[in-house]
Amino acid sequence: MDNLLEHVRAVLSTTPERWQRLISTLPGDLLTRVPAAGEWSALNCLQHLLDAERSLFPVRFQAFLAGQDFTAYDPQKPHSDLAALSPEQLAAAFAQQRRENLTLLSGVKDEDSQRSVQHPRFGTVTLEELLHTWAAHDLMHTVQAERALMQPFMLGCGPWRYFFQDHEVNVQQKEA
């Protein structure tokens, strides 16, 4: 992708504002509503994004710069400190951490993109691949949160529900 750093920074810089808008506008019961058993609510998605923003991406980014291989990361590991935060506190903490990480990214040069390290599961990975992953991860979990928010509205659409089938979260869809 041409202009990878510019595109990644653009995606990463928009995410906190999107979350702050969702959190400041939507009622808490909608944010915490789990769309199906085993799925994440919108708030769970924000908790995960904040966790990754403070303990995954900057750690791996620094590992690339230091030439150090990655250690394993468990995205399912519970983070009780995040569960104690209000949605507003989560959004503010995410925005602050993201500002710090965008500052880290400002020092990256195009020639750094081919730096490589060893990932415990995937083998050799490059900084370019991590940058793509960081932006995609942001977008994926924001879409996942918005999909969770859509569920109660789709269920009440009557005959129009057909138009939203691609976004329905249900157990049968996951098993297919």
C-alpha atoms as a PDB file:
ATOM      1  CA  MET A   1       0.000   0.000   0.000  1.00  0.00           C
ATOM      2  CA  ASP A   2       1.383   3.374  -0.988  1.00  0.00           C
ATOM      3  CA  ASN A   3       1.483   5.876   1.866  1.00  0.00           C
ATOM      4  CA  LEU A   4       1.043   3.118   4.457  1.00  0.00           C
ATOM      5  CA  LEU A   5       2.139   5.263   7.395  1.00  0.00           C
ATOM      6  CA  GLU A   6      -0.161   8.101   6.374  1.00  0.00           C
ATOM      7  CA  HIS A   7      -3.122   5.743   6.009  1.00  0.00           C
ATOM      8  CA  VAL A   8      -2.455   3.935   9.285  1.00  0.00           C
ATOM      9  CA  ARG A   9      -2.118   7.227  11.165  1.00  0.00           C
ATOM     10  CA  ALA A  10      -5.374   8.438   9.593  1.00  0.00           C
ATOM     11  CA  VAL A  11      -7.289   5.341  10.708  1.00  0.00           C
ATOM     12  CA  LEU A  12      -5.724   5.307  14.170  1.00  0.00           C
ATOM     13  CA  SER A  13      -6.409   8.998  14.702  1.00  0.00           C
ATOM     14  CA  THR A  14     -10.137   8.690  13.936  1.00  0.00           C
ATOM     15  CA  THR A  15     -10.946   5.789  16.266  1.00  0.00           C
ATOM     16  CA  PRO A  16     -10.863   7.612  19.639  1.00  0.00           C
ATOM     17  CA  GLU A  17     -13.231  10.292  18.380  1.00  0.00           C
ATOM     18  CA  ARG A  18     -15.656   7.646  17.080  1.00  0.00           C
ATOM     19  CA  TRP A  19     -15.633   5.941  20.466  1.00  0.00           C
ATOM     20  CA  GLN A  20     -16.010   9.159  22.431  1.00  0.00           C
ATOM     21  CA  ARG A  21     -19.023  10.012  20.292  1.00  0.00           C
ATOM     22  CA  LEU A  22     -20.610   6.590  20.828  1.00  0.00           C
ATOM     23  CA  ILE A  23     -19.982   6.666  24.574  1.00  0.00           C
ATOM     24  CA  SER A  24     -21.221  10.214  25.065  1.00  0.00           C
ATOM     25  CA  THR A  25     -24.374   9.663  23.011  1.00  0.00           C
ATOM     26  CA  LEU A  26     -25.643   6.121  23.599  1.00  0.00           C
ATOM     27  CA  PRO A  27     -27.326   4.850  26.773  1.00  0.00           C
ATOM     28  CA  GLY A  28     -25.333   2.472  28.953  1.00  0.00           C
ATOM     29  CA  ASP A  29     -27.722  -0.451  28.537  1.00  0.00           C
ATOM     30  CA  LEU A  30     -27.191  -0.373  24.776  1.00  0.00           C
ATOM     31  CA  LEU A  31     -23.394  -0.192  25.182  1.00  0.00           C
ATOM     32  CA  THR A  32     -23.325  -3.178  27.541  1.00  0.00           C
ATOM     33  CA  ARG A  33     -25.862  -5.325  25.676  1.00  0.00           C
ATOM     34  CA  VAL A  34     -24.290  -8.614  24.575  1.00  0.00           C
ATOM     35  CA  PRO A  35     -25.610  -9.474  21.087  1.00  0.00           C
ATOM     36  CA  ALA A  36     -25.409 -13.252  21.623  1.00  0.00           C
ATOM     37  CA  ALA A  37     -23.921 -15.652  24.140  1.00  0.00           C
ATOM     38  CA  GLY A  38     -20.142 -15.589  23.872  1.00  0.00           C
ATOM     39  CA  GLU A  39     -20.078 -12.339  21.883  1.00  0.00           C
ATOM     40  CA  TRP A  40     -18.715  -8.984  23.009  1.00  0.00           C
ATOM     41  CA  SER A  41     -20.819  -5.943  23.777  1.00  0.00           C
ATOM     42  CA  ALA A  42     -19.752  -2.576  22.391  1.00  0.00           C
ATOM     43  CA  LEU A  43     -18.225  -1.770  25.780  1.00  0.00           C
ATOM     44  CA  ASN A  44     -16.272  -5.064  25.750  1.00  0.00           C
ATOM     45  CA  CYS A  45     -14.853  -4.037  22.372  1.00  0.00           C
ATOM     46  CA  LEU A  46     -13.682  -0.718  23.800  1.00  0.00           C
ATOM     47  CA  GLN A  47     -12.113  -2.469  26.794  1.00  0.00           C
ATOM     48  CA  HIS A  48     -10.233  -4.760  24.418  1.00  0.00           C
ATOM     49  CA  LEU A  49      -9.099  -1.865  22.240  1.00  0.00           C
ATOM     50  CA  LEU A  50      -7.775  -0.031  25.294  1.00  0.00           C
ATOM     51  CA  ASP A  51      -5.972  -3.135  26.508  1.00  0.00           C
ATOM     52  CA  ALA A  52      -4.369  -3.662  23.097  1.00  0.00           C
ATOM     53  CA  GLU A  53      -3.508   0.025  22.919  1.00  0.00           C
ATOM     54  CA  ARG A  54      -1.585  -0.066  26.165  1.00  0.00           C
ATOM     55  CA  SER A  55      -0.146  -3.601  26.318  1.00  0.00           C
ATOM     56  CA  LEU A  56       0.005  -5.006  22.790  1.00  0.00           C
ATOM     57  CA  PHE A  57       0.673  -2.595  19.951  1.00  0.00           C
ATOM     58  CA  PRO A  58       3.117  -0.201  21.630  1.00  0.00           C
ATOM     59  CA  VAL A  59       4.985  -3.140  23.178  1.00  0.00           C
ATOM     60  CA  ARG A  60       5.299  -4.860  19.810  1.00  0.00           C
ATOM     61  CA  PHE A  61       6.157  -1.627  18.069  1.00  0.00           C
ATOM     62  CA  GLN A  62       9.003  -1.030  20.552  1.00  0.00           C
ATOM     63  CA  ALA A  63      10.129  -4.649  20.068  1.00  0.00           C
ATOM     64  CA  PHE A  64      10.537  -3.990  16.346  1.00  0.00           C
ATOM     65  CA  LEU A  65      12.619  -0.920  16.984  1.00  0.00           C
ATOM     66  CA  ALA A  66      14.789  -2.835  19.465  1.00  0.00           C
ATOM     67  CA  GLY A  67      15.039  -5.945  17.252  1.00  0.00           C
ATOM     68  CA  GLN A  68      13.448  -8.134  19.937  1.00  0.00           C
ATOM     69  CA  ASP A  69      11.154 -11.061  19.235  1.00  0.00           C
ATOM     70  CA  PHE A  70       7.527 -10.987  20.436  1.00  0.00           C
ATOM     71  CA  THR A  71       6.103 -12.700  23.471  1.00  0.00           C
ATOM     72  CA  ALA A  72       2.644 -14.288  23.412  1.00  0.00           C
ATOM     73  CA  TYR A  73      -0.472 -12.140  23.940  1.00  0.00           C
ATOM     74  CA  ASP A  74      -3.807 -13.498  25.146  1.00  0.00           C
ATOM     75  CA  PRO A  75      -6.708 -11.273  23.981  1.00  0.00           C
ATOM     76  CA  GLN A  76      -9.145 -13.239  26.179  1.00  0.00           C
ATOM     77  CA  LYS A  77      -7.218 -12.518  29.386  1.00  0.00           C
ATOM     78  CA  PRO A  78      -9.539 -10.594  31.704  1.00  0.00           C
ATOM     79  CA  HIS A  79      -8.469  -7.127  32.783  1.00  0.00           C
ATOM     80  CA  SER A  80     -10.315  -6.352  35.982  1.00  0.00           C
ATOM     81  CA  ASP A  81      -8.884  -2.834  36.122  1.00  0.00           C
ATOM     82  CA  LEU A  82     -10.765  -2.005  32.919  1.00  0.00           C
ATOM     83  CA  ALA A  83     -14.053  -3.479  34.165  1.00  0.00           C
ATOM     84  CA  ALA A  84     -13.998  -0.955  37.026  1.00  0.00           C
ATOM     85  CA  LEU A  85     -13.880   2.032  34.651  1.00  0.00           C
ATOM     86  CA  SER A  86     -16.982   3.843  33.434  1.00  0.00           C
ATOM     87  CA  PRO A  87     -17.569   4.034  29.674  1.00  0.00           C
ATOM     88  CA  GLU A  88     -16.489   7.699  29.751  1.00  0.00           C
ATOM     89  CA  GLN A  89     -13.285   6.806  31.603  1.00  0.00           C
ATOM     90  CA  LEU A  90     -12.553   4.010  29.118  1.00  0.00           C
ATOM     91  CA  ALA A  91     -13.025   6.330  26.143  1.00  0.00           C
ATOM     92  CA  ALA A  92     -10.823   9.000  27.738  1.00  0.00           C
ATOM     93  CA  ALA A  93      -8.094   6.481  28.625  1.00  0.00           C
ATOM     94  CA  PHE A  94      -8.203   5.066  25.107  1.00  0.00           C
ATOM     95  CA  ALA A  95      -7.901   8.557  23.590  1.00  0.00           C
ATOM     96  CA  GLN A  96      -4.936   9.406  25.844  1.00  0.00           C
ATOM     97  CA  GLN A  97      -3.128   6.139  25.123  1.00  0.00           C
ATOM     98  CA  ARG A  98      -3.760   6.542  21.412  1.00  0.00           C
ATOM     99  CA  ARG A  99      -2.254  10.053  21.448  1.00  0.00           C
ATOM    100  CA  GLU A 100       0.857   8.607  23.070  1.00  0.00           C
ATOM    101  CA  ASN A 101       1.042   5.806  20.511  1.00  0.00           C
ATOM    102  CA  LEU A 102       0.583   8.170  17.584  1.00  0.00           C
ATOM    103  CA  THR A 103       3.573  10.074  18.951  1.00  0.00           C
ATOM    104  CA  LEU A 104       5.535   6.800  18.914  1.00  0.00           C
ATOM    105  CA  LEU A 105       4.521   6.240  15.288  1.00  0.00           C
ATOM    106  CA  SER A 106       5.643   9.707  14.257  1.00  0.00           C
ATOM    107  CA  GLY A 107       9.264   8.514  14.385  1.00  0.00           C
ATOM    108  CA  VAL A 108       8.746   5.680  11.892  1.00  0.00           C
ATOM    109  CA  LYS A 109      10.302   6.035   8.469  1.00  0.00           C
ATOM    110  CA  ASP A 110       9.318   4.147   5.329  1.00  0.00           C
ATOM    111  CA  GLU A 111      12.567   2.151   5.456  1.00  0.00           C
ATOM    112  CA  ASP A 112      11.611   0.842   8.924  1.00  0.00           C
ATOM    113  CA  SER A 113       8.645  -1.021   7.456  1.00  0.00           C
ATOM    114  CA  GLN A 114      10.719  -4.075   6.518  1.00  0.00           C
ATOM    115  CA  ARG A 115      12.189  -4.603   9.995  1.00  0.00           C
ATOM    116  CA  SER A 116      11.357  -8.129  11.106  1.00  0.00           C
ATOM    117  CA  VAL A 117      11.114 -10.110  14.336  1.00  0.00           C
ATOM    118  CA  GLN A 118       9.828 -13.515  15.352  1.00  0.00           C
ATOM    119  CA  HIS A 119       6.224 -13.942  16.441  1.00  0.00           C
ATOM    120  CA  PRO A 120       5.550 -16.963  18.728  1.00  0.00           C
ATOM    121  CA  ARG A 121       2.713 -18.180  16.487  1.00  0.00           C
ATOM    122  CA  PHE A 122       3.320 -16.726  13.012  1.00  0.00           C
ATOM    123  CA  GLY A 123       7.100 -16.841  12.674  1.00  0.00           C
ATOM    124  CA  THR A 124       8.799 -13.939  10.913  1.00  0.00           C
ATOM    125  CA  VAL A 125       6.672 -10.786  10.783  1.00  0.00           C
ATOM    126  CA  THR A 126       7.463  -7.273   9.585  1.00  0.00           C
ATOM    127  CA  LEU A 127       6.694  -3.855  10.997  1.00  0.00           C
ATOM    128  CA  GLU A 128       4.672  -3.185   7.850  1.00  0.00           C
ATOM    129  CA  GLU A 129       2.452  -6.160   8.687  1.00  0.00           C
ATOM    130  CA  LEU A 130       2.040  -4.923  12.263  1.00  0.00           C
ATOM    131  CA  LEU A 131       0.994  -1.486  11.000  1.00  0.00           C
ATOM    132  CA  HIS A 132      -1.595  -3.035   8.692  1.00  0.00           C
ATOM    133  CA  THR A 133      -2.816  -5.182  11.589  1.00  0.00           C
ATOM    134  CA  TRP A 134      -3.081  -2.221  13.964  1.00  0.00           C
ATOM    135  CA  ALA A 135      -5.341  -0.273  11.591  1.00  0.00           C
ATOM    136  CA  ALA A 136      -7.412  -3.347  10.681  1.00  0.00           C
ATOM    137  CA  HIS A 137      -7.760  -4.261  14.378  1.00  0.00           C
ATOM    138  CA  ASP A 138      -9.125  -0.794  15.153  1.00  0.00           C
ATOM    139  CA  LEU A 139     -11.654  -0.959  12.356  1.00  0.00           C
ATOM    140  CA  MET A 140     -12.636  -4.570  13.051  1.00  0.00           C
ATOM    141  CA  HIS A 141     -13.476  -4.015  16.716  1.00  0.00           C
ATOM    142  CA  THR A 142     -15.266  -0.748  16.012  1.00  0.00           C
ATOM    143  CA  VAL A 143     -17.389  -2.517  13.395  1.00  0.00           C
ATOM    144  CA  GLN A 144     -17.911  -5.395  15.853  1.00  0.00           C
ATOM    145  CA  ALA A 145     -19.144  -2.903  18.457  1.00  0.00           C
ATOM    146  CA  GLU A 146     -21.454  -1.215  15.979  1.00  0.00           C
ATOM    147  CA  ARG A 147     -22.785  -4.609  14.939  1.00  0.00           C
ATOM    148  CA  ALA A 148     -23.542  -5.374  18.604  1.00  0.00           C
ATOM    149  CA  LEU A 149     -25.357  -2.035  18.856  1.00  0.00           C
ATOM    150  CA  MET A 150     -27.419  -2.855  15.749  1.00  0.00           C
ATOM    151  CA  GLN A 151     -28.884  -6.108  17.076  1.00  0.00           C
ATOM    152  CA  PRO A 152     -31.882  -4.839  19.096  1.00  0.00           C
ATOM    153  CA  PHE A 153     -32.869  -2.486  16.285  1.00  0.00           C
ATOM    154  CA  MET A 154     -32.639  -5.160  13.608  1.00  0.00           C
ATOM    155  CA  LEU A 155     -34.829  -7.485  15.661  1.00  0.00           C
ATOM    156  CA  GLY A 156     -37.578  -4.864  15.590  1.00  0.00           C
ATOM    157  CA  CYS A 157     -37.442  -4.107  11.862  1.00  0.00           C
ATOM    158  CA  GLY A 158     -40.273  -6.418  10.875  1.00  0.00           C
ATOM    159  CA  PRO A 159     -40.205  -7.055   7.116  1.00  0.00           C
ATOM    160  CA  TRP A 160     -37.099  -4.844   6.686  1.00  0.00           C
ATOM    161  CA  ARG A 161     -35.019  -7.200   8.826  1.00  0.00           C
ATOM    162  CA  TYR A 162     -34.095  -9.010   5.628  1.00  0.00           C
ATOM    163  CA  PHE A 163     -31.870  -6.075   4.629  1.00  0.00           C
ATOM    164  CA  PHE A 164     -29.734  -6.528   7.742  1.00  0.00           C
ATOM    165  CA  GLN A 165     -29.149 -10.299   7.597  1.00  0.00           C
ATOM    166  CA  ASP A 166     -25.437  -9.864   6.901  1.00  0.00           C
ATOM    167  CA  HIS A 167     -25.081  -8.121  10.257  1.00  0.00           C
ATOM    168  CA  GLU A 168     -27.089 -10.444  12.474  1.00  0.00           C
ATOM    169  CA  VAL A 169     -25.129 -12.032  15.280  1.00  0.00           C
ATOM    170  CA  ASN A 170     -26.382 -15.455  16.202  1.00  0.00           C
ATOM    171  CA  VAL A 171     -25.060 -18.854  17.129  1.00  0.00           C
ATOM    172  CA  GLN A 172     -26.135 -20.498  13.862  1.00  0.00           C
ATOM    173  CA  GLN A 173     -24.217 -17.947  11.839  1.00  0.00           C
ATOM    174  CA  LYS A 174     -21.035 -18.660  13.815  1.00  0.00           C
ATOM    175  CA  GLU A 175     -21.335 -22.436  13.403  1.00  0.00           C
ATOM    176  CA  ALA A 176     -21.656 -22.264   9.621  1.00  0.00           C
END
